[in-house]
N, C-alpha and C. Protein backbone atom coordinates (compact mmCIF):
# COMPACT_ATOMS: atom_id res chain seq x y z
N UNK A 1 133.11 103.11 74.96
CA UNK A 1 131.92 103.04 75.78
C UNK A 1 131.45 104.46 76.06
N UNK A 2 130.17 104.70 75.84
CA UNK A 2 129.60 106.00 76.15
C UNK A 2 128.55 105.82 77.24
N UNK A 3 128.59 106.72 78.21
CA UNK A 3 127.54 106.70 79.20
C UNK A 3 127.23 108.13 79.60
N UNK A 4 126.00 108.30 80.07
CA UNK A 4 125.51 109.61 80.45
C UNK A 4 124.99 109.51 81.87
N UNK A 5 125.34 110.47 82.70
CA UNK A 5 124.92 110.43 84.09
C UNK A 5 123.70 111.32 84.31
N UNK A 6 122.68 110.76 84.93
CA UNK A 6 121.52 111.52 85.38
C UNK A 6 121.50 111.39 86.88
N UNK A 7 121.93 112.41 87.60
CA UNK A 7 122.03 112.40 89.05
C UNK A 7 122.93 111.25 89.50
N UNK A 8 122.32 110.19 90.05
CA UNK A 8 123.10 109.10 90.64
C UNK A 8 123.04 107.83 89.80
N UNK A 9 122.62 107.92 88.55
CA UNK A 9 122.47 106.75 87.70
C UNK A 9 123.25 106.97 86.41
N UNK A 10 123.85 105.90 85.90
CA UNK A 10 124.52 105.96 84.61
C UNK A 10 123.57 105.37 83.57
N UNK A 11 123.40 106.04 82.47
CA UNK A 11 122.63 105.48 81.37
C UNK A 11 123.61 105.08 80.29
N UNK A 12 123.70 103.77 80.06
CA UNK A 12 124.61 103.25 79.05
C UNK A 12 123.98 103.39 77.67
N UNK A 13 124.80 103.73 76.67
CA UNK A 13 124.25 103.83 75.32
C UNK A 13 123.94 102.43 74.80
N UNK A 14 123.14 102.36 73.74
CA UNK A 14 122.65 101.09 73.22
C UNK A 14 123.79 100.18 72.76
N UNK A 15 124.76 100.73 72.08
CA UNK A 15 125.88 99.92 71.57
C UNK A 15 126.63 99.26 72.73
N UNK A 16 126.82 99.98 73.81
CA UNK A 16 127.51 99.43 74.99
C UNK A 16 126.69 98.31 75.60
N UNK A 17 125.38 98.53 75.75
CA UNK A 17 124.51 97.50 76.32
C UNK A 17 124.53 96.23 75.46
N UNK A 18 124.52 96.41 74.14
CA UNK A 18 124.54 95.25 73.24
C UNK A 18 125.87 94.51 73.34
N UNK A 19 126.98 95.25 73.29
CA UNK A 19 128.30 94.62 73.33
C UNK A 19 128.58 93.91 74.66
N UNK A 20 128.06 94.44 75.75
CA UNK A 20 128.25 93.81 77.05
C UNK A 20 127.26 92.67 77.29
N UNK A 21 126.29 92.52 76.39
CA UNK A 21 125.25 91.49 76.48
C UNK A 21 124.58 91.52 77.87
N UNK A 22 124.17 92.71 78.25
CA UNK A 22 123.57 92.88 79.56
C UNK A 22 122.19 92.24 79.66
N UNK A 23 121.35 92.48 78.66
CA UNK A 23 119.98 91.96 78.73
C UNK A 23 119.63 91.01 77.60
N UNK A 24 120.48 90.93 76.60
CA UNK A 24 120.26 89.96 75.51
C UNK A 24 121.58 89.68 74.82
N UNK A 25 121.64 88.50 74.19
CA UNK A 25 122.85 88.10 73.47
C UNK A 25 122.97 88.90 72.17
N UNK A 26 124.20 89.20 71.80
CA UNK A 26 124.43 90.02 70.61
C UNK A 26 124.05 89.27 69.33
N UNK A 27 124.33 87.99 69.26
CA UNK A 27 124.12 87.25 68.01
C UNK A 27 122.66 86.98 67.69
N UNK A 28 121.87 86.57 68.70
CA UNK A 28 120.51 86.16 68.40
C UNK A 28 119.44 86.94 69.16
N UNK A 29 119.80 88.00 69.83
CA UNK A 29 118.88 88.84 70.59
C UNK A 29 118.07 88.04 71.62
N UNK A 30 118.62 86.93 72.06
CA UNK A 30 117.97 86.09 73.07
C UNK A 30 118.44 86.51 74.45
N UNK A 31 117.56 86.41 75.42
CA UNK A 31 117.93 86.72 76.79
C UNK A 31 118.83 85.64 77.38
N UNK A 32 118.70 84.42 76.86
CA UNK A 32 119.46 83.29 77.39
C UNK A 32 120.96 83.53 77.22
N UNK A 33 121.67 83.46 78.36
CA UNK A 33 123.10 83.67 78.36
C UNK A 33 123.51 85.10 78.66
N UNK A 34 122.56 86.01 78.74
CA UNK A 34 122.87 87.40 79.07
C UNK A 34 123.05 87.54 80.58
N UNK A 35 123.58 88.66 81.01
CA UNK A 35 123.74 88.94 82.44
C UNK A 35 122.38 88.90 83.14
N UNK A 36 121.36 89.47 82.51
CA UNK A 36 120.01 89.47 83.09
C UNK A 36 119.54 88.05 83.35
N UNK A 37 119.68 87.17 82.39
CA UNK A 37 119.21 85.80 82.55
C UNK A 37 119.98 85.08 83.66
N UNK A 38 121.23 85.38 83.82
CA UNK A 38 122.05 84.72 84.82
C UNK A 38 121.69 85.16 86.23
N UNK A 39 121.45 86.44 86.44
CA UNK A 39 121.20 86.93 87.80
C UNK A 39 119.72 87.04 88.16
N UNK A 40 118.83 86.95 87.19
CA UNK A 40 117.41 87.13 87.46
C UNK A 40 116.80 85.89 88.09
N UNK A 41 116.46 86.00 89.36
CA UNK A 41 115.78 84.93 90.09
C UNK A 41 114.43 85.42 90.61
N UNK A 42 113.89 86.41 89.94
CA UNK A 42 112.64 87.01 90.40
C UNK A 42 111.45 86.10 90.11
N UNK A 43 110.36 86.33 90.86
CA UNK A 43 109.14 85.56 90.65
C UNK A 43 108.01 86.42 90.11
N UNK A 44 108.23 87.71 90.04
CA UNK A 44 107.18 88.62 89.59
C UNK A 44 107.69 89.43 88.40
N UNK A 45 106.83 89.63 87.37
CA UNK A 45 107.27 90.37 86.17
C UNK A 45 107.74 91.79 86.49
N UNK A 46 107.12 92.45 87.46
CA UNK A 46 107.51 93.82 87.78
C UNK A 46 108.94 93.85 88.32
N UNK A 47 109.34 92.82 89.06
CA UNK A 47 110.70 92.76 89.58
C UNK A 47 111.70 92.53 88.44
N UNK A 48 111.33 91.72 87.47
CA UNK A 48 112.21 91.47 86.32
C UNK A 48 112.46 92.78 85.58
N UNK A 49 111.42 93.60 85.41
CA UNK A 49 111.59 94.90 84.75
C UNK A 49 112.52 95.80 85.57
N UNK A 50 112.41 95.74 86.90
CA UNK A 50 113.25 96.56 87.76
C UNK A 50 114.72 96.14 87.64
N UNK A 51 114.97 94.84 87.67
CA UNK A 51 116.36 94.36 87.53
C UNK A 51 116.92 94.77 86.17
N UNK A 52 116.10 94.65 85.13
CA UNK A 52 116.54 95.06 83.79
C UNK A 52 116.89 96.55 83.79
N UNK A 53 116.07 97.35 84.46
CA UNK A 53 116.34 98.79 84.54
C UNK A 53 117.63 99.04 85.32
N UNK A 54 117.85 98.32 86.41
CA UNK A 54 119.07 98.48 87.20
C UNK A 54 120.30 98.10 86.39
N UNK A 55 120.20 97.07 85.57
CA UNK A 55 121.34 96.66 84.74
C UNK A 55 121.63 97.72 83.68
N UNK A 56 120.58 98.25 83.07
CA UNK A 56 120.76 99.24 82.01
C UNK A 56 121.12 100.63 82.53
N UNK A 57 120.80 100.89 83.81
CA UNK A 57 121.10 102.19 84.41
C UNK A 57 121.74 101.97 85.78
N UNK A 58 122.98 101.52 85.82
CA UNK A 58 123.62 101.21 87.10
C UNK A 58 123.87 102.44 87.96
N UNK A 59 123.85 102.23 89.27
CA UNK A 59 124.16 103.30 90.22
C UNK A 59 125.62 103.71 90.11
N UNK A 60 125.91 104.96 90.44
CA UNK A 60 127.31 105.40 90.48
C UNK A 60 127.69 105.93 91.86
N UNK A 61 126.71 106.21 92.71
CA UNK A 61 126.98 106.71 94.05
C UNK A 61 127.38 105.54 94.95
N UNK A 62 128.58 105.64 95.50
CA UNK A 62 129.13 104.56 96.33
C UNK A 62 128.21 104.21 97.49
N UNK A 63 127.66 105.21 98.16
CA UNK A 63 126.81 104.96 99.34
C UNK A 63 125.51 104.24 98.94
N UNK A 64 124.94 104.60 97.81
CA UNK A 64 123.72 103.93 97.35
C UNK A 64 124.01 102.49 96.94
N UNK A 65 125.15 102.26 96.33
CA UNK A 65 125.53 100.89 95.94
C UNK A 65 125.69 100.03 97.19
N UNK A 66 126.39 100.54 98.19
CA UNK A 66 126.59 99.80 99.44
C UNK A 66 125.26 99.56 100.14
N UNK A 67 124.37 100.56 100.15
CA UNK A 67 123.06 100.39 100.79
C UNK A 67 122.26 99.30 100.10
N UNK A 68 122.29 99.27 98.77
CA UNK A 68 121.57 98.22 98.03
C UNK A 68 122.16 96.85 98.33
N UNK A 69 123.48 96.75 98.35
CA UNK A 69 124.13 95.47 98.65
C UNK A 69 123.82 95.02 100.08
N UNK A 70 123.77 95.95 101.03
CA UNK A 70 123.43 95.61 102.41
C UNK A 70 122.01 95.05 102.49
N UNK A 71 121.10 95.64 101.73
CA UNK A 71 119.72 95.16 101.71
C UNK A 71 119.65 93.75 101.13
N UNK A 72 120.33 93.52 100.04
CA UNK A 72 120.36 92.19 99.43
C UNK A 72 120.96 91.19 100.42
N UNK A 73 122.05 91.56 101.06
CA UNK A 73 122.69 90.66 102.03
C UNK A 73 121.76 90.33 103.18
N UNK A 74 120.98 91.29 103.64
CA UNK A 74 120.07 91.03 104.76
C UNK A 74 119.01 90.01 104.38
N UNK A 75 118.57 90.01 103.12
CA UNK A 75 117.60 89.01 102.68
C UNK A 75 118.26 87.64 102.48
N UNK A 76 119.50 87.64 102.06
CA UNK A 76 120.22 86.37 101.91
C UNK A 76 120.41 85.73 103.28
N UNK A 77 120.72 86.55 104.28
CA UNK A 77 120.98 86.04 105.63
C UNK A 77 119.71 85.56 106.33
N UNK A 78 118.55 86.09 105.97
CA UNK A 78 117.30 85.75 106.66
C UNK A 78 116.40 84.95 105.72
N UNK A 79 116.64 83.65 105.66
CA UNK A 79 115.91 82.81 104.71
C UNK A 79 114.43 82.69 105.06
N UNK A 80 114.07 82.75 106.35
CA UNK A 80 112.67 82.66 106.74
C UNK A 80 111.89 83.87 106.23
N UNK A 81 112.43 85.06 106.45
CA UNK A 81 111.79 86.27 105.95
C UNK A 81 111.69 86.22 104.43
N UNK A 82 112.76 85.81 103.78
CA UNK A 82 112.78 85.73 102.32
C UNK A 82 111.69 84.77 101.82
N UNK A 83 111.54 83.62 102.44
CA UNK A 83 110.53 82.67 101.98
C UNK A 83 109.11 83.19 102.24
N UNK A 84 108.89 83.91 103.34
CA UNK A 84 107.57 84.51 103.60
C UNK A 84 107.23 85.57 102.56
N UNK A 85 108.22 86.37 102.19
CA UNK A 85 108.00 87.40 101.18
C UNK A 85 107.75 86.76 99.81
N UNK A 86 108.50 85.73 99.47
CA UNK A 86 108.30 85.03 98.20
C UNK A 86 106.89 84.47 98.13
N UNK A 87 106.42 83.86 99.22
CA UNK A 87 105.06 83.31 99.25
C UNK A 87 104.01 84.40 99.02
N UNK A 88 104.22 85.56 99.63
CA UNK A 88 103.28 86.68 99.42
C UNK A 88 103.33 87.19 97.99
N UNK A 89 104.52 87.35 97.45
CA UNK A 89 104.67 87.91 96.11
C UNK A 89 104.10 87.00 95.03
N UNK A 90 104.13 85.69 95.24
CA UNK A 90 103.63 84.76 94.23
C UNK A 90 102.16 84.98 93.93
N UNK A 91 101.40 85.44 94.91
CA UNK A 91 99.98 85.65 94.68
C UNK A 91 99.62 87.06 94.24
N UNK A 92 100.62 87.88 93.98
CA UNK A 92 100.37 89.27 93.61
C UNK A 92 100.41 89.46 92.10
N UNK A 93 99.57 90.36 91.65
CA UNK A 93 99.50 90.69 90.22
C UNK A 93 100.60 91.68 89.85
N UNK A 94 100.79 91.86 88.57
CA UNK A 94 101.74 92.83 88.04
C UNK A 94 101.06 94.20 88.07
N UNK A 95 101.19 94.89 89.19
CA UNK A 95 100.47 96.15 89.42
C UNK A 95 100.82 97.19 88.37
N UNK A 96 102.09 97.31 88.03
CA UNK A 96 102.52 98.32 87.04
C UNK A 96 101.81 98.09 85.70
N UNK A 97 101.75 96.84 85.25
CA UNK A 97 101.11 96.53 83.98
C UNK A 97 99.61 96.82 84.04
N UNK A 98 98.95 96.43 85.13
CA UNK A 98 97.51 96.66 85.26
C UNK A 98 97.21 98.15 85.32
N UNK A 99 97.98 98.90 86.08
CA UNK A 99 97.77 100.35 86.17
C UNK A 99 97.93 101.01 84.81
N UNK A 100 98.94 100.58 84.05
CA UNK A 100 99.12 101.11 82.69
C UNK A 100 97.93 100.77 81.81
N UNK A 101 97.39 99.57 81.95
CA UNK A 101 96.20 99.18 81.18
C UNK A 101 94.98 99.99 81.62
N UNK A 102 94.85 100.25 82.91
CA UNK A 102 93.74 101.08 83.41
C UNK A 102 93.85 102.49 82.83
N UNK A 103 95.05 103.06 82.89
CA UNK A 103 95.26 104.42 82.36
C UNK A 103 95.00 104.50 80.87
N UNK A 104 95.28 103.42 80.15
CA UNK A 104 95.05 103.41 78.70
C UNK A 104 93.61 103.04 78.35
N UNK A 105 92.82 102.65 79.36
CA UNK A 105 91.43 102.27 79.12
C UNK A 105 91.28 100.88 78.54
N UNK A 106 92.27 99.99 78.79
CA UNK A 106 92.23 98.65 78.21
C UNK A 106 92.13 97.54 79.26
N UNK A 107 91.91 97.89 80.51
CA UNK A 107 91.86 96.86 81.54
C UNK A 107 90.53 96.12 81.49
N UNK A 108 90.52 94.92 82.07
CA UNK A 108 89.28 94.16 82.13
C UNK A 108 88.92 93.94 83.59
N UNK A 109 87.69 93.51 83.86
CA UNK A 109 87.24 93.36 85.25
C UNK A 109 88.10 92.40 86.08
N UNK A 110 88.54 91.33 85.48
CA UNK A 110 89.35 90.37 86.25
C UNK A 110 90.69 90.95 86.67
N UNK A 111 91.23 91.85 85.86
CA UNK A 111 92.48 92.52 86.26
C UNK A 111 92.24 93.40 87.47
N UNK A 112 91.06 94.02 87.53
CA UNK A 112 90.75 94.85 88.69
C UNK A 112 90.58 93.99 89.95
N UNK A 113 90.02 92.79 89.79
CA UNK A 113 89.92 91.86 90.93
C UNK A 113 91.32 91.46 91.38
N UNK A 114 92.21 91.17 90.44
CA UNK A 114 93.59 90.82 90.78
C UNK A 114 94.31 91.99 91.47
N UNK A 115 94.02 93.20 91.02
CA UNK A 115 94.59 94.39 91.64
C UNK A 115 94.12 94.50 93.09
N UNK A 116 92.83 94.25 93.32
CA UNK A 116 92.27 94.29 94.67
C UNK A 116 92.94 93.23 95.55
N UNK A 117 93.11 92.02 95.04
CA UNK A 117 93.75 90.95 95.80
C UNK A 117 95.18 91.34 96.16
N UNK A 118 95.87 91.95 95.22
CA UNK A 118 97.24 92.41 95.47
C UNK A 118 97.26 93.49 96.53
N UNK A 119 96.37 94.49 96.41
CA UNK A 119 96.31 95.56 97.41
C UNK A 119 95.98 95.01 98.79
N UNK A 120 95.18 93.96 98.83
CA UNK A 120 94.81 93.34 100.11
C UNK A 120 96.04 92.75 100.81
N UNK A 121 97.02 92.30 100.05
CA UNK A 121 98.22 91.69 100.61
C UNK A 121 99.31 92.68 100.97
N UNK A 122 99.18 93.93 100.52
CA UNK A 122 100.25 94.91 100.74
C UNK A 122 100.53 95.19 102.22
N UNK A 123 99.51 95.31 103.10
CA UNK A 123 99.84 95.53 104.52
C UNK A 123 100.67 94.40 105.12
N UNK A 124 100.39 93.15 104.74
CA UNK A 124 101.18 92.03 105.25
C UNK A 124 102.62 92.12 104.74
N UNK A 125 102.78 92.52 103.48
CA UNK A 125 104.12 92.70 102.92
C UNK A 125 104.85 93.82 103.64
N UNK A 126 104.15 94.92 103.86
CA UNK A 126 104.75 96.05 104.58
C UNK A 126 105.18 95.64 105.98
N UNK A 127 104.36 94.85 106.64
CA UNK A 127 104.69 94.37 107.98
C UNK A 127 105.94 93.50 107.97
N UNK A 128 106.03 92.60 106.99
CA UNK A 128 107.23 91.77 106.88
C UNK A 128 108.47 92.60 106.60
N UNK A 129 108.33 93.60 105.76
CA UNK A 129 109.48 94.43 105.38
C UNK A 129 109.86 95.44 106.46
N UNK A 130 108.99 95.64 107.43
CA UNK A 130 109.27 96.61 108.49
C UNK A 130 110.56 96.27 109.24
N UNK A 131 110.91 94.99 109.25
CA UNK A 131 112.15 94.58 109.91
C UNK A 131 113.38 95.11 109.19
N UNK A 132 113.21 95.47 107.92
CA UNK A 132 114.32 95.99 107.11
C UNK A 132 114.10 97.46 106.75
N UNK A 133 113.23 98.12 107.49
CA UNK A 133 112.83 99.49 107.14
C UNK A 133 114.02 100.44 107.09
N UNK A 134 114.97 100.32 108.01
CA UNK A 134 116.10 101.24 108.00
C UNK A 134 116.93 101.08 106.72
N UNK A 135 117.06 99.84 106.24
CA UNK A 135 117.79 99.62 104.99
C UNK A 135 117.01 100.18 103.79
N UNK A 136 115.68 100.02 103.81
CA UNK A 136 114.87 100.57 102.73
C UNK A 136 114.94 102.09 102.73
N UNK A 137 114.93 102.69 103.91
CA UNK A 137 115.00 104.15 103.99
C UNK A 137 116.30 104.69 103.43
N UNK A 138 117.37 103.93 103.56
CA UNK A 138 118.65 104.39 103.01
C UNK A 138 118.61 104.41 101.49
N UNK A 139 117.69 103.66 100.88
CA UNK A 139 117.54 103.66 99.42
C UNK A 139 116.36 104.51 98.97
N UNK A 140 115.75 105.25 99.89
CA UNK A 140 114.58 106.10 99.60
C UNK A 140 113.42 105.30 99.01
N UNK A 141 113.17 104.11 99.56
CA UNK A 141 112.06 103.27 99.13
C UNK A 141 110.85 103.63 99.96
N UNK A 142 109.74 103.89 99.28
CA UNK A 142 108.50 104.24 99.96
C UNK A 142 107.47 103.15 99.69
N UNK A 143 107.10 102.43 100.73
CA UNK A 143 106.12 101.35 100.59
C UNK A 143 104.74 101.93 100.85
N UNK A 144 103.87 101.83 99.86
CA UNK A 144 102.50 102.33 99.98
C UNK A 144 101.54 101.15 99.97
N UNK A 145 100.59 101.14 100.91
CA UNK A 145 99.66 100.01 101.00
C UNK A 145 98.40 100.22 100.17
N UNK A 146 98.21 101.38 99.57
CA UNK A 146 97.07 101.65 98.68
C UNK A 146 95.74 101.35 99.36
N UNK A 147 95.60 101.76 100.60
CA UNK A 147 94.40 101.44 101.39
C UNK A 147 93.12 101.99 100.76
N UNK A 148 93.15 103.24 100.33
CA UNK A 148 91.95 103.84 99.72
C UNK A 148 91.58 103.13 98.42
N UNK A 149 92.57 102.81 97.62
CA UNK A 149 92.32 102.13 96.35
C UNK A 149 91.74 100.74 96.61
N UNK A 150 92.31 100.06 97.62
CA UNK A 150 91.78 98.74 97.97
C UNK A 150 90.31 98.83 98.40
N UNK A 151 90.02 99.80 99.27
CA UNK A 151 88.64 99.95 99.76
C UNK A 151 87.67 100.25 98.62
N UNK A 152 88.07 101.09 97.67
CA UNK A 152 87.22 101.38 96.51
C UNK A 152 86.98 100.12 95.68
N UNK A 153 88.04 99.39 95.38
CA UNK A 153 87.89 98.16 94.60
C UNK A 153 87.06 97.12 95.36
N UNK A 154 87.22 97.08 96.67
CA UNK A 154 86.45 96.14 97.49
C UNK A 154 84.96 96.48 97.44
N UNK A 155 84.64 97.76 97.50
CA UNK A 155 83.23 98.19 97.49
C UNK A 155 82.62 98.09 96.09
N UNK A 156 83.40 98.39 95.06
CA UNK A 156 82.83 98.57 93.73
C UNK A 156 82.86 97.33 92.83
N UNK A 157 83.89 96.53 92.89
CA UNK A 157 84.06 95.44 91.93
C UNK A 157 83.61 94.12 92.55
N UNK A 158 82.74 93.41 91.84
CA UNK A 158 82.23 92.12 92.31
C UNK A 158 83.35 91.07 92.32
N UNK A 159 83.26 90.15 93.28
CA UNK A 159 84.28 89.10 93.39
C UNK A 159 84.30 88.19 92.17
N UNK A 160 83.13 87.90 91.64
CA UNK A 160 83.01 86.98 90.50
C UNK A 160 82.76 87.75 89.21
N UNK A 161 83.57 88.78 88.99
CA UNK A 161 83.40 89.63 87.80
C UNK A 161 83.62 88.81 86.53
N UNK A 162 82.86 89.15 85.48
CA UNK A 162 83.07 88.48 84.20
C UNK A 162 84.41 88.89 83.59
N UNK A 163 84.84 88.15 82.59
CA UNK A 163 86.13 88.42 81.95
C UNK A 163 86.13 89.70 81.13
N UNK A 164 84.97 90.10 80.62
CA UNK A 164 84.90 91.29 79.77
C UNK A 164 83.80 92.22 80.26
N UNK A 165 83.80 93.41 79.71
CA UNK A 165 82.77 94.40 80.07
C UNK A 165 81.47 94.19 79.31
N UNK A 166 81.42 93.23 78.39
CA UNK A 166 80.21 92.97 77.63
C UNK A 166 79.12 92.33 78.50
N UNK A 167 79.52 91.74 79.62
CA UNK A 167 78.56 91.07 80.50
C UNK A 167 78.29 91.91 81.74
N UNK A 168 77.10 91.77 82.29
CA UNK A 168 76.75 92.45 83.54
C UNK A 168 77.45 91.75 84.70
N UNK A 169 77.53 92.43 85.81
CA UNK A 169 78.07 91.83 87.02
C UNK A 169 79.44 92.31 87.41
N UNK A 170 79.94 93.35 86.76
CA UNK A 170 81.25 93.88 87.12
C UNK A 170 81.16 94.69 88.40
N UNK A 171 80.16 95.56 88.46
CA UNK A 171 79.99 96.42 89.63
C UNK A 171 79.21 95.65 90.70
N UNK A 172 79.72 95.67 91.91
CA UNK A 172 79.10 94.97 93.03
C UNK A 172 77.72 95.55 93.31
N UNK A 173 76.75 94.65 93.51
CA UNK A 173 75.39 95.09 93.83
C UNK A 173 75.43 95.84 95.15
N UNK A 174 74.76 96.98 95.18
CA UNK A 174 74.75 97.83 96.37
C UNK A 174 75.73 98.98 96.30
N UNK A 175 76.64 98.96 95.34
CA UNK A 175 77.62 100.04 95.23
C UNK A 175 76.97 101.31 94.69
N UNK A 176 76.11 101.15 93.69
CA UNK A 176 75.44 102.29 93.07
C UNK A 176 73.94 102.01 93.02
N UNK A 177 73.17 102.82 93.76
CA UNK A 177 71.72 102.65 93.76
C UNK A 177 71.14 102.82 92.37
N UNK A 178 71.64 103.81 91.63
CA UNK A 178 71.14 104.07 90.28
C UNK A 178 71.39 102.87 89.36
N UNK A 179 72.57 102.31 89.41
CA UNK A 179 72.87 101.15 88.59
C UNK A 179 72.03 99.95 89.02
N UNK A 180 71.83 99.78 90.31
CA UNK A 180 70.99 98.69 90.80
C UNK A 180 69.57 98.82 90.28
N UNK A 181 69.03 100.04 90.26
CA UNK A 181 67.67 100.27 89.74
C UNK A 181 67.60 99.95 88.25
N UNK A 182 68.59 100.38 87.49
CA UNK A 182 68.61 100.11 86.05
C UNK A 182 68.66 98.60 85.79
N UNK A 183 69.53 97.90 86.51
CA UNK A 183 69.64 96.45 86.33
C UNK A 183 68.36 95.74 86.75
N UNK A 184 67.75 96.20 87.83
CA UNK A 184 66.48 95.60 88.29
C UNK A 184 65.40 95.81 87.25
N UNK A 185 65.29 97.01 86.71
CA UNK A 185 64.24 97.26 85.70
C UNK A 185 64.53 96.48 84.42
N UNK A 186 65.80 96.30 84.06
CA UNK A 186 66.16 95.52 82.87
C UNK A 186 65.82 94.05 83.08
N UNK A 187 66.11 93.52 84.25
CA UNK A 187 65.83 92.10 84.52
C UNK A 187 64.34 91.82 84.60
N UNK A 188 63.53 92.81 85.02
CA UNK A 188 62.11 92.60 85.18
C UNK A 188 61.28 93.09 83.99
N UNK A 189 61.93 93.57 82.96
CA UNK A 189 61.19 94.05 81.79
C UNK A 189 60.90 92.91 80.84
N UNK A 190 59.92 93.14 79.98
CA UNK A 190 59.57 92.12 78.98
C UNK A 190 60.43 92.35 77.79
């Protein structure tokens, strides 16, 4: 087994990950039956990627391991909080994927609407998690509500945006006077 340490994380080499069947079975490259498939109870794709990263790069610092386990235990013990968080997360988009698509110039208007809806829910999530803030701080977790980004998306992107950029109606009327004038002259032209 070969592993490489980067600060407080171990990076397992590919052969070790394959032989241990951490994220996929050795024989058929299927996730079914792997450690990931057994322990993954996430409801959001971004969480699944995080668990996969944690499995492939396990912690080595005893205090960080204990802090993570304490956080997990606190959610197991508080089923009401856990169910409230699950309900909030179910309506949230995969922010990491959308941001990557935005950066690559491949996002569509509906993804931006989903991003806005997700940002709108972040303060409620932060409020729910505030009860566990000391445990999150021990893991150096920083919860950002993206208030400015939400406000920009709220002002700029129409609620009923079309699926693609080929159609008008992506930018909310009133956001840009110049765009409003161009659209008005286009609609009133022969």
